[in-house]
Amino acid sequence: MEDGGCARLVGAEIHGFHTLQDLDVKNMLEEAKSRWLRPNEIHAILCNHRYFSIQAKPVNMPKSGTIVLFDRKMLRNFRKDGYNWKKKKDGKTIKEAHEHLK
């Protein structure tokens, strides 16, 4: 993460975090290892992506809870990270976690 402590964050009126200090990225990334991020935390990160590193290549075998940002236009095959992704019953498409939560 790049440093920018007191800069006003984009979308603060929606996600509620006004500065990077309010967002407390270091603590949030630590907590993400054991829980899902809240929608407002995800919104804050995505709206303010310039403060975070964007991966150009898939991360090989990331540990559980690792947060990886990437540009879908630049990195089409983000699932080539060394893990075997579970397929749906049709055998072609990947199971997505949100499908189980609905």
Protein backbone atom coordinates (compact mmCIF):
# COMPACT_ATOMS: atom_id res chain seq x y z
CA MET A 1 0.00 0.00 0.00
CA GLU A 2 1.26 3.45 -0.86
CA ASP A 3 1.36 6.09 1.86
CA GLY A 4 -1.15 8.93 1.76
CA GLY A 5 -2.30 9.29 5.40
CA CYS A 6 -4.49 12.42 5.41
CA ALA A 7 -5.72 12.47 1.81
CA ARG A 8 -9.51 12.62 1.47
CA LEU A 9 -10.87 9.36 0.09
CA VAL A 10 -13.13 9.15 -2.95
CA GLY A 11 -16.69 8.03 -2.13
CA ALA A 12 -16.47 8.94 1.56
CA GLU A 13 -20.14 9.96 1.60
CA ILE A 14 -21.05 6.37 0.65
CA HIS A 15 -18.58 4.14 2.51
CA GLY A 16 -18.05 6.42 5.53
CA PHE A 17 -14.21 6.48 5.57
CA HIS A 18 -12.89 10.03 5.08
CA THR A 19 -9.12 9.37 5.23
CA LEU A 20 -6.78 6.38 5.04
CA GLN A 21 -6.42 6.66 8.81
CA ASP A 22 -10.20 6.20 9.14
CA LEU A 23 -10.03 3.17 6.85
CA ASP A 24 -7.18 1.68 8.95
CA VAL A 25 -5.97 -0.49 6.10
CA LYS A 26 -3.29 -2.33 8.07
CA ASN A 27 -5.78 -3.54 10.69
CA MET A 28 -8.44 -4.30 8.07
CA LEU A 29 -6.03 -6.45 6.03
CA GLU A 30 -5.10 -8.37 9.19
CA GLU A 31 -8.78 -8.94 10.04
CA ALA A 32 -9.48 -10.04 6.45
CA LYS A 33 -7.49 -13.20 7.17
CA SER A 34 -10.30 -14.41 9.42
CA ARG A 35 -13.47 -12.68 8.17
CA TRP A 36 -15.16 -11.39 5.02
CA LEU A 37 -14.68 -7.71 4.32
CA ARG A 38 -17.77 -5.57 4.78
CA PRO A 39 -19.31 -3.99 1.66
CA ASN A 40 -18.31 -0.47 2.73
CA GLU A 41 -14.68 -1.61 3.20
CA ILE A 42 -14.62 -3.17 -0.27
CA HIS A 43 -16.20 -0.04 -1.76
CA ALA A 44 -13.59 2.17 -0.08
CA ILE A 45 -10.70 0.04 -1.39
CA LEU A 46 -12.02 -0.14 -4.95
CA CYS A 47 -12.88 3.58 -5.14
CA ASN A 48 -9.42 4.47 -3.85
CA HIS A 49 -7.37 1.85 -5.70
CA ARG A 50 -4.59 4.36 -6.42
CA TYR A 51 -3.41 3.94 -2.80
CA PHE A 52 -2.95 0.18 -3.27
CA SER A 53 -0.71 -1.95 -5.47
CA ILE A 54 -2.36 -3.48 -8.54
CA GLN A 55 -0.97 -6.89 -9.56
CA ALA A 56 0.12 -7.39 -13.17
CA LYS A 57 0.47 -11.19 -12.82
CA PRO A 58 -1.49 -13.79 -10.83
CA VAL A 59 -0.14 -14.29 -7.32
CA ASN A 60 1.07 -17.89 -6.99
CA MET A 61 -0.68 -19.83 -4.21
CA PRO A 62 -1.83 -16.85 -2.08
CA LYS A 63 -2.61 -17.68 1.55
CA SER A 64 -6.20 -17.67 2.73
CA GLY A 65 -7.33 -14.12 3.48
CA THR A 66 -4.88 -12.49 1.09
CA ILE A 67 -6.37 -9.48 -0.67
CA VAL A 68 -5.14 -9.07 -4.24
CA LEU A 69 -6.20 -6.21 -6.50
CA PHE A 70 -5.85 -6.54 -10.26
CA ASP A 71 -7.08 -4.85 -13.43
CA ARG A 72 -9.34 -7.27 -15.32
CA LYS A 73 -8.40 -5.62 -18.62
CA MET A 74 -4.71 -6.31 -18.03
CA LEU A 75 -4.94 -9.64 -16.18
CA ARG A 76 -7.55 -11.87 -17.78
CA ASN A 77 -6.43 -15.17 -16.22
CA PHE A 78 -6.34 -14.24 -12.53
CA ARG A 79 -7.46 -17.77 -11.62
CA LYS A 80 -4.14 -19.21 -12.77
CA ASP A 81 -2.81 -18.82 -9.24
CA GLY A 82 -1.72 -22.41 -8.65
CA TYR A 83 -4.95 -23.61 -7.03
CA ASN A 84 -7.51 -26.03 -8.49
CA TRP A 85 -10.77 -24.09 -8.65
CA LYS A 86 -13.98 -26.08 -8.08
CA LYS A 87 -16.16 -26.34 -11.16
CA LYS A 88 -19.94 -26.21 -11.36
CA LYS A 89 -21.90 -29.31 -12.32
CA ASP A 90 -21.57 -28.37 -15.99
CA GLY A 91 -17.80 -28.90 -15.64
CA LYS A 92 -16.95 -25.68 -17.46
CA THR A 93 -17.50 -22.70 -15.19
CA ILE A 94 -16.03 -21.95 -11.77
CA LYS A 95 -18.14 -21.99 -8.59
CA GLU A 96 -18.31 -18.54 -7.03
CA ALA A 97 -18.63 -18.04 -3.26
CA HIS A 98 -21.48 -15.55 -3.59
CA GLU A 99 -23.60 -18.24 -5.25
CA HIS A 100 -23.62 -20.22 -1.99
CA LEU A 101 -24.49 -17.17 0.10
CA LYS A 102 -27.65 -16.26 -1.81
